[in-house]
């Protein structure tokens, strides 16, 4: 009872999940501002709670003490709720 041919080699087989360890290192840890592409080494970056993209201090949108990457994300978070029921 061996692994299928396409799952051998770099793939790690576990009972619950199979994954490729090299895919964990393909730039997944690089954080840049979505507007100006400044890296985390050059500026402090904030993570948007809506889209999870990074933004620097120059491009952040602050609403009610929360930091967002865009006006769209800020509006989406604080959507208007009609209480005229």
PDB file of N, CA and C in Angstrom:
ATOM      1  N   UNK A   1       0.852  -1.185   0.000  1.00  0.00           N
ATOM      2  CA  UNK A   1       0.000   0.000   0.000  1.00  0.00           C
ATOM      3  C   UNK A   1       0.889   1.237   0.000  1.00  0.00           C
ATOM      4  N   UNK A   2       1.354   1.616  -1.149  1.00  0.00           N
ATOM      5  CA  UNK A   2       2.218   2.777  -1.279  1.00  0.00           C
ATOM      6  C   UNK A   2       1.444   4.016  -1.679  1.00  0.00           C
ATOM      7  N   UNK A   3       2.127   5.143  -1.660  1.00  0.00           N
ATOM      8  CA  UNK A   3       1.510   6.410  -2.056  1.00  0.00           C
ATOM      9  C   UNK A   3       1.403   6.467  -3.574  1.00  0.00           C
ATOM     10  N   UNK A   4       0.408   7.169  -4.097  1.00  0.00           N
ATOM     11  CA  UNK A   4       0.307   7.335  -5.548  1.00  0.00           C
ATOM     12  C   UNK A   4       1.557   8.008  -6.101  1.00  0.00           C
ATOM     13  N   UNK A   5       1.819   7.799  -7.362  1.00  0.00           N
ATOM     14  CA  UNK A   5       3.039   8.316  -7.984  1.00  0.00           C
ATOM     15  C   UNK A   5       3.116   9.837  -7.903  1.00  0.00           C
ATOM     16  N   UNK A   6       1.985  10.530  -8.035  1.00  0.00           N
ATOM     17  CA  UNK A   6       2.020  11.990  -7.992  1.00  0.00           C
ATOM     18  C   UNK A   6       2.184  12.528  -6.569  1.00  0.00           C
ATOM     19  N   UNK A   7       2.114  11.676  -5.571  1.00  0.00           N
ATOM     20  CA  UNK A   7       2.253  12.129  -4.179  1.00  0.00           C
ATOM     21  C   UNK A   7       3.610  11.772  -3.591  1.00  0.00           C
ATOM     22  N   UNK A   8       4.473  11.162  -4.368  1.00  0.00           N
ATOM     23  CA  UNK A   8       5.781  10.790  -3.861  1.00  0.00           C
ATOM     24  C   UNK A   8       6.777  11.908  -4.098  1.00  0.00           C
ATOM     25  N   UNK A   9       7.922  11.812  -3.489  1.00  0.00           N
ATOM     26  CA  UNK A   9       8.962  12.813  -3.685  1.00  0.00           C
ATOM     27  C   UNK A   9       8.923  13.861  -2.597  1.00  0.00           C
ATOM     28  N   UNK A  10       8.660  15.113  -2.976  1.00  0.00           N
ATOM     29  CA  UNK A  10       8.682  16.206  -2.019  1.00  0.00           C
ATOM     30  C   UNK A  10       7.474  16.233  -1.094  1.00  0.00           C
ATOM     31  N   UNK A  11       6.431  15.571  -1.457  1.00  0.00           N
ATOM     32  CA  UNK A  11       5.203  15.649  -0.671  1.00  0.00           C
ATOM     33  C   UNK A  11       5.330  14.858   0.619  1.00  0.00           C
ATOM     34  N   UNK A  12       4.775  15.389   1.677  1.00  0.00           N
ATOM     35  CA  UNK A  12       4.738  14.725   2.976  1.00  0.00           C
ATOM     36  C   UNK A  12       3.313  14.235   3.177  1.00  0.00           C
ATOM     37  N   UNK A  13       3.163  12.965   3.373  1.00  0.00           N
ATOM     38  CA  UNK A  13       1.832  12.383   3.525  1.00  0.00           C
ATOM     39  C   UNK A  13       1.518  12.161   5.004  1.00  0.00           C
ATOM     40  N   UNK A  14       0.458  12.711   5.447  1.00  0.00           N
ATOM     41  CA  UNK A  14      -0.054  12.499   6.795  1.00  0.00           C
ATOM     42  C   UNK A  14      -1.469  11.944   6.654  1.00  0.00           C
ATOM     43  N   UNK A  15      -1.996  11.318   7.673  1.00  0.00           N
ATOM     44  CA  UNK A  15      -3.349  10.781   7.556  1.00  0.00           C
ATOM     45  C   UNK A  15      -4.392  11.851   7.234  1.00  0.00           C
ATOM     46  N   UNK A  16      -4.218  13.059   7.757  1.00  0.00           N
ATOM     47  CA  UNK A  16      -5.231  14.097   7.572  1.00  0.00           C
ATOM     48  C   UNK A  16      -4.958  15.006   6.391  1.00  0.00           C
ATOM     49  N   UNK A  17      -3.687  15.234   6.073  1.00  0.00           N
ATOM     50  CA  UNK A  17      -3.370  16.231   5.051  1.00  0.00           C
ATOM     51  C   UNK A  17      -2.043  15.886   4.381  1.00  0.00           C
ATOM     52  N   UNK A  18      -1.934  16.218   3.101  1.00  0.00           N
ATOM     53  CA  UNK A  18      -0.667  16.084   2.383  1.00  0.00           C
ATOM     54  C   UNK A  18      -0.248  17.472   1.940  1.00  0.00           C
ATOM     55  N   UNK A  19       0.990  17.827   2.114  1.00  0.00           N
ATOM     56  CA  UNK A  19       1.452  19.153   1.738  1.00  0.00           C
ATOM     57  C   UNK A  19       2.881  19.101   1.235  1.00  0.00           C
ATOM     58  N   UNK A  20       3.269  20.143   0.548  1.00  0.00           N
ATOM     59  CA  UNK A  20       4.609  20.275   0.017  1.00  0.00           C
ATOM     60  C   UNK A  20       5.369  21.257   0.899  1.00  0.00           C
ATOM     61  N   UNK A  21       6.428  20.845   1.579  1.00  0.00           N
ATOM     62  CA  UNK A  21       7.134  21.752   2.490  1.00  0.00           C
ATOM     63  C   UNK A  21       7.760  22.952   1.792  1.00  0.00           C
ATOM     64  N   UNK A  22       8.091  22.843   0.503  1.00  0.00           N
ATOM     65  CA  UNK A  22       8.673  23.981  -0.206  1.00  0.00           C
ATOM     66  C   UNK A  22       7.656  25.102  -0.413  1.00  0.00           C
ATOM     67  N   UNK A  23       6.368  24.777  -0.463  1.00  0.00           N
ATOM     68  CA  UNK A  23       5.358  25.799  -0.697  1.00  0.00           C
ATOM     69  C   UNK A  23       5.232  26.749   0.485  1.00  0.00           C
ATOM     70  N   UNK A  24       5.723  26.338   1.646  1.00  0.00           N
ATOM     71  CA  UNK A  24       5.664  27.208   2.822  1.00  0.00           C
ATOM     72  C   UNK A  24       6.663  28.353   2.735  1.00  0.00           C
ATOM     73  N   UNK A  25       7.656  28.229   1.866  1.00  0.00           N
ATOM     74  CA  UNK A  25       8.723  29.229   1.794  1.00  0.00           C
ATOM     75  C   UNK A  25       8.643  30.099   0.545  1.00  0.00           C
ATOM     76  N   UNK A  26       7.589  30.072  -0.187  1.00  0.00           N
ATOM     77  CA  UNK A  26       7.489  30.819  -1.443  1.00  0.00           C
ATOM     78  C   UNK A  26       6.969  32.232  -1.221  1.00  0.00           C
ATOM     79  N   UNK A  27       7.658  33.021  -0.441  1.00  0.00           N
ATOM     80  CA  UNK A  27       7.286  34.411  -0.263  1.00  0.00           C
ATOM     81  C   UNK A  27       6.110  34.643   0.655  1.00  0.00           C
ATOM     82  N   UNK A  28       5.683  33.635   1.376  1.00  0.00           N
ATOM     83  CA  UNK A  28       4.517  33.799   2.239  1.00  0.00           C
ATOM     84  C   UNK A  28       4.815  34.678   3.456  1.00  0.00           C
ATOM     85  N   UNK A  29       6.084  34.873   3.767  1.00  0.00           N
ATOM     86  CA  UNK A  29       6.429  35.681   4.929  1.00  0.00           C
ATOM     87  C   UNK A  29       6.810  37.114   4.561  1.00  0.00           C
ATOM     88  N   UNK A  30       6.823  37.450   3.280  1.00  0.00           N
ATOM     89  CA  UNK A  30       7.180  38.794   2.847  1.00  0.00           C
ATOM     90  C   UNK A  30       5.954  39.701   2.987  1.00  0.00           C
ATOM     91  N   UNK A  31       6.107  40.764   3.761  1.00  0.00           N
ATOM     92  CA  UNK A  31       5.009  41.692   3.958  1.00  0.00           C
ATOM     93  C   UNK A  31       5.380  43.037   3.361  1.00  0.00           C
ATOM     94  N   UNK A  32       4.468  43.574   2.528  1.00  0.00           N
ATOM     95  CA  UNK A  32       4.660  44.861   1.878  1.00  0.00           C
ATOM     96  C   UNK A  32       3.360  45.627   1.908  1.00  0.00           C
ATOM     97  N   UNK A  33       3.483  46.958   1.887  1.00  0.00           N
ATOM     98  CA  UNK A  33       2.304  47.805   1.781  1.00  0.00           C
ATOM     99  C   UNK A  33       1.640  47.569   0.433  1.00  0.00           C
ATOM    100  N   UNK A  34       0.318  47.414   0.427  1.00  0.00           N
ATOM    101  CA  UNK A  34      -0.371  47.144  -0.835  1.00  0.00           C
ATOM    102  C   UNK A  34      -0.412  48.357  -1.753  1.00  0.00           C
ATOM    103  N   UNK A  35      -0.179  49.558  -1.213  1.00  0.00           N
ATOM    104  CA  UNK A  35      -0.202  50.775  -2.021  1.00  0.00           C
ATOM    105  C   UNK A  35       1.166  51.108  -2.611  1.00  0.00           C
ATOM    106  N   UNK A  36       2.199  51.116  -1.773  1.00  0.00           N
ATOM    107  CA  UNK A  36       3.517  51.589  -2.227  1.00  0.00           C
ATOM    108  C   UNK A  36       4.592  50.508  -2.229  1.00  0.00           C
ATOM    109  N   UNK A  37       4.266  49.306  -1.777  1.00  0.00           N
ATOM    110  CA  UNK A  37       5.174  48.161  -1.761  1.00  0.00           C
ATOM    111  C   UNK A  37       6.397  48.356  -0.866  1.00  0.00           C
ATOM    112  N   UNK A  38       6.311  49.245   0.120  1.00  0.00           N
ATOM    113  CA  UNK A  38       7.408  49.375   1.072  1.00  0.00           C
ATOM    114  C   UNK A  38       7.395  48.131   1.970  1.00  0.00           C
ATOM    115  N   UNK A  39       8.573  47.626   2.294  1.00  0.00           N
ATOM    116  CA  UNK A  39       8.680  46.406   3.077  1.00  0.00           C
ATOM    117  C   UNK A  39       8.648  46.667   4.569  1.00  0.00           C
ATOM    118  N   UNK A  40       8.528  45.583   5.317  1.00  0.00           N
ATOM    119  CA  UNK A  40       8.447  45.702   6.771  1.00  0.00           C
ATOM    120  C   UNK A  40       9.771  46.147   7.395  1.00  0.00           C
ATOM    121  N   UNK A  41      10.861  46.051   6.643  1.00  0.00           N
ATOM    122  CA  UNK A  41      12.144  46.519   7.154  1.00  0.00           C
ATOM    123  C   UNK A  41      12.258  48.037   7.120  1.00  0.00           C
ATOM    124  N   UNK A  42      11.490  48.680   6.244  1.00  0.00           N
ATOM    125  CA  UNK A  42      11.590  50.122   6.058  1.00  0.00           C
ATOM    126  C   UNK A  42      10.468  50.915   6.725  1.00  0.00           C
ATOM    127  N   UNK A  43       9.367  50.271   7.063  1.00  0.00           N
ATOM    128  CA  UNK A  43       8.229  50.977   7.656  1.00  0.00           C
ATOM    129  C   UNK A  43       7.444  50.015   8.538  1.00  0.00           C
ATOM    130  N   UNK A  44       6.687  50.591   9.472  1.00  0.00           N
ATOM    131  CA  UNK A  44       5.804  49.765  10.291  1.00  0.00           C
ATOM    132  C   UNK A  44       4.542  49.472   9.483  1.00  0.00           C
ATOM    133  N   UNK A  45       4.174  48.208   9.384  1.00  0.00           N
ATOM    134  CA  UNK A  45       3.017  47.814   8.594  1.00  0.00           C
ATOM    135  C   UNK A  45       1.870  47.374   9.495  1.00  0.00           C
ATOM    136  N   UNK A  46       0.664  47.707   9.073  1.00  0.00           N
ATOM    137  CA  UNK A  46      -0.553  47.330   9.784  1.00  0.00           C
ATOM    138  C   UNK A  46      -1.318  46.335   8.931  1.00  0.00           C
ATOM    139  N   UNK A  47      -1.948  45.351   9.563  1.00  0.00           N
ATOM    140  CA  UNK A  47      -2.725  44.357   8.828  1.00  0.00           C
ATOM    141  C   UNK A  47      -4.200  44.734   8.877  1.00  0.00           C
ATOM    142  N   UNK A  48      -4.818  44.816   7.723  1.00  0.00           N
ATOM    143  CA  UNK A  48      -6.227  45.181   7.617  1.00  0.00           C
ATOM    144  C   UNK A  48      -7.092  44.046   8.174  1.00  0.00           C
ATOM    145  N   UNK A  49      -8.048  44.349   9.053  1.00  0.00           N
ATOM    146  CA  UNK A  49      -8.881  43.287   9.628  1.00  0.00           C
ATOM    147  C   UNK A  49      -9.911  42.722   8.642  1.00  0.00           C
ATOM    148  N   UNK A  50     -10.122  43.364   7.509  1.00  0.00           N
ATOM    149  CA  UNK A  50     -11.109  42.893   6.534  1.00  0.00           C
ATOM    150  C   UNK A  50     -10.452  42.014   5.470  1.00  0.00           C
ATOM    151  N   UNK A  51      -9.491  42.562   4.729  1.00  0.00           N
ATOM    152  CA  UNK A  51      -8.888  41.817   3.622  1.00  0.00           C
ATOM    153  C   UNK A  51      -7.533  41.202   3.979  1.00  0.00           C
ATOM    154  N   UNK A  52      -7.009  41.516   5.158  1.00  0.00           N
ATOM    155  CA  UNK A  52      -5.742  40.979   5.667  1.00  0.00           C
ATOM    156  C   UNK A  52      -4.536  41.383   4.828  1.00  0.00           C
ATOM    157  N   UNK A  53      -4.638  42.491   4.107  1.00  0.00           N
ATOM    158  CA  UNK A  53      -3.492  43.023   3.380  1.00  0.00           C
ATOM    159  C   UNK A  53      -2.762  44.005   4.284  1.00  0.00           C
ATOM    160  N   UNK A  54      -1.500  44.242   3.974  1.00  0.00           N
ATOM    161  CA  UNK A  54      -0.658  45.109   4.792  1.00  0.00           C
ATOM    162  C   UNK A  54      -0.666  46.526   4.249  1.00  0.00           C
ATOM    163  N   UNK A  55      -0.578  47.513   5.155  1.00  0.00           N
ATOM    164  CA  UNK A  55      -0.519  48.915   4.754  1.00  0.00           C
ATOM    165  C   UNK A  55       0.444  49.655   5.682  1.00  0.00           C
ATOM    166  N   UNK A  56       1.118  50.660   5.136  1.00  0.00           N
ATOM    167  CA  UNK A  56       2.081  51.436   5.927  1.00  0.00           C
ATOM    168  C   UNK A  56       1.379  52.620   6.597  1.00  0.00           C
ATOM    169  N   UNK A  57       2.119  53.344   7.413  1.00  0.00           N
ATOM    170  CA  UNK A  57       1.549  54.499   8.115  1.00  0.00           C
ATOM    171  C   UNK A  57       1.101  55.600   7.164  1.00  0.00           C
ATOM    172  N   UNK A  58       1.754  55.735   6.022  1.00  0.00           N
ATOM    173  CA  UNK A  58       1.396  56.779   5.062  1.00  0.00           C
ATOM    174  C   UNK A  58       0.077  56.505   4.346  1.00  0.00           C
ATOM    175  N   UNK A  59      -0.305  55.236   4.215  1.00  0.00           N
ATOM    176  CA  UNK A  59      -1.490  54.878   3.447  1.00  0.00           C
ATOM    177  C   UNK A  59      -2.622  54.288   4.292  1.00  0.00           C
ATOM    178  N   UNK A  60      -2.465  54.257   5.587  1.00  0.00           N
ATOM    179  CA  UNK A  60      -3.497  53.655   6.432  1.00  0.00           C
ATOM    180  C   UNK A  60      -4.720  54.570   6.538  1.00  0.00           C
ATOM    181  N   UNK A  61      -5.869  53.961   6.736  1.00  0.00           N
ATOM    182  CA  UNK A  61      -7.124  54.661   6.984  1.00  0.00           C
ATOM    183  C   UNK A  61      -7.545  54.292   8.399  1.00  0.00           C
ATOM    184  N   UNK A  62      -7.752  55.289   9.247  1.00  0.00           N
ATOM    185  CA  UNK A  62      -8.121  55.033  10.638  1.00  0.00           C
ATOM    186  C   UNK A  62      -9.570  55.442  10.851  1.00  0.00           C
ATOM    187  N   UNK A  63     -10.357  54.507  11.359  1.00  0.00           N
ATOM    188  CA  UNK A  63     -11.755  54.774  11.706  1.00  0.00           C
ATOM    189  C   UNK A  63     -12.023  54.185  13.079  1.00  0.00           C
ATOM    190  N   UNK A  64     -12.450  55.014  14.001  1.00  0.00           N
ATOM    191  CA  UNK A  64     -12.779  54.581  15.365  1.00  0.00           C
ATOM    192  C   UNK A  64     -11.640  53.804  16.010  1.00  0.00           C
ATOM    193  N   UNK A  65     -10.423  54.228  15.757  1.00  0.00           N
ATOM    194  CA  UNK A  65      -9.254  53.598  16.365  1.00  0.00           C
ATOM    195  C   UNK A  65      -8.771  52.339  15.674  1.00  0.00           C
ATOM    196  N   UNK A  66      -9.440  51.905  14.629  1.00  0.00           N
ATOM    197  CA  UNK A  66      -9.024  50.723  13.876  1.00  0.00           C
ATOM    198  C   UNK A  66      -8.323  51.152  12.594  1.00  0.00           C
ATOM    199  N   UNK A  67      -7.331  50.373  12.191  1.00  0.00           N
ATOM    200  CA  UNK A  67      -6.544  50.687  10.998  1.00  0.00           C
ATOM    201  C   UNK A  67      -6.993  49.789   9.853  1.00  0.00           C
ATOM    202  N   UNK A  68      -7.293  50.401   8.709  1.00  0.00           N
ATOM    203  CA  UNK A  68      -7.702  49.685   7.510  1.00  0.00           C
ATOM    204  C   UNK A  68      -6.773  50.065   6.367  1.00  0.00           C
ATOM    205  N   UNK A  69      -6.786  49.245   5.312  1.00  0.00           N
ATOM    206  CA  UNK A  69      -5.916  49.515   4.165  1.00  0.00           C
ATOM    207  C   UNK A  69      -6.581  50.425   3.147  1.00  0.00           C
ATOM    208  N   UNK A  70      -7.905  50.550   3.185  1.00  0.00           N
ATOM    209  CA  UNK A  70      -8.604  51.363   2.193  1.00  0.00           C
ATOM    210  C   UNK A  70      -9.922  51.868   2.771  1.00  0.00           C
ATOM    211  N   UNK A  71     -10.487  52.847   2.096  1.00  0.00           N
ATOM    212  CA  UNK A  71     -11.787  53.380   2.500  1.00  0.00           C
ATOM    213  C   UNK A  71     -12.856  52.302   2.326  1.00  0.00           C
ATOM    214  N   UNK A  72     -12.727  51.481   1.292  1.00  0.00           N
ATOM    215  CA  UNK A  72     -13.686  50.412   1.061  1.00  0.00           C
ATOM    216  C   UNK A  72     -13.743  49.456   2.255  1.00  0.00           C
ATOM    217  N   UNK A  73     -12.573  49.024   2.749  1.00  0.00           N
ATOM    218  CA  UNK A  73     -12.539  48.102   3.886  1.00  0.00           C
ATOM    219  C   UNK A  73     -13.099  48.761   5.147  1.00  0.00           C
ATOM    220  N   UNK A  74     -12.795  50.040   5.343  1.00  0.00           N
ATOM    221  CA  UNK A  74     -13.333  50.748   6.510  1.00  0.00           C
ATOM    222  C   UNK A  74     -14.844  50.857   6.425  1.00  0.00           C
ATOM    223  N   UNK A  75     -15.370  51.187   5.246  1.00  0.00           N
ATOM    224  CA  UNK A  75     -16.818  51.272   5.063  1.00  0.00           C
ATOM    225  C   UNK A  75     -17.474  49.909   5.225  1.00  0.00           C
ATOM    226  N   UNK A  76     -16.816  48.868   4.745  1.00  0.00           N
ATOM    227  CA  UNK A  76     -17.360  47.521   4.864  1.00  0.00           C
ATOM    228  C   UNK A  76     -17.450  47.100   6.334  1.00  0.00           C
ATOM    229  N   UNK A  77     -16.440  47.450   7.123  1.00  0.00           N
ATOM    230  CA  UNK A  77     -16.431  47.086   8.542  1.00  0.00           C
ATOM    231  C   UNK A  77     -17.523  47.822   9.304  1.00  0.00           C
ATOM    232  N   UNK A  78     -17.672  49.112   9.020  1.00  0.00           N
ATOM    233  CA  UNK A  78     -18.679  49.923   9.700  1.00  0.00           C
ATOM    234  C   UNK A  78     -19.876  50.135   8.770  1.00  0.00           C
ATOM    235  N   UNK A  79     -20.484  49.070   8.295  1.00  0.00           N
ATOM    236  CA  UNK A  79     -21.613  49.179   7.377  1.00  0.00           C
ATOM    237  C   UNK A  79     -22.813  49.789   8.095  1.00  0.00           C
ATOM    238  N   UNK A  80     -23.630  50.488   7.325  1.00  0.00           N
ATOM    239  CA  UNK A  80     -24.809  51.128   7.895  1.00  0.00           C
ATOM    240  C   UNK A  80     -25.882  50.084   8.191  1.00  0.00           C
ATOM    241  N   UNK A  81     -26.392  50.125   9.395  1.00  0.00           N
ATOM    242  CA  UNK A  81     -27.456  49.222   9.788  1.00  0.00           C
ATOM    243  C   UNK A  81     -28.711  50.063  10.008  1.00  0.00           C
ATOM    244  N   UNK A  82     -29.756  49.783   9.236  1.00  0.00           N
ATOM    245  CA  UNK A  82     -31.012  50.496   9.399  1.00  0.00           C
ATOM    246  C   UNK A  82     -31.733  49.963  10.627  1.00  0.00           C
ATOM    247  N   UNK A  83     -32.022  50.849  11.533  1.00  0.00           N
ATOM    248  CA  UNK A  83     -32.733  50.458  12.741  1.00  0.00           C
ATOM    249  C   UNK A  83     -34.154  51.000  12.732  1.00  0.00           C
ATOM    250  N   UNK A  84     -34.714  51.147  11.512  1.00  0.00           N
ATOM    251  CA  UNK A  84     -36.067  51.685  11.376  1.00  0.00           C
ATOM    252  C   UNK A  84     -37.126  50.594  11.410  1.00  0.00           C
ATOM    253  N   UNK A  85     -36.755  49.400  11.817  1.00  0.00           N
ATOM    254  CA  UNK A  85     -37.716  48.277  11.798  1.00  0.00           C
ATOM    255  C   UNK A  85     -38.878  48.568  12.671  1.00  0.00           C
TER     256      UNK A  85
END
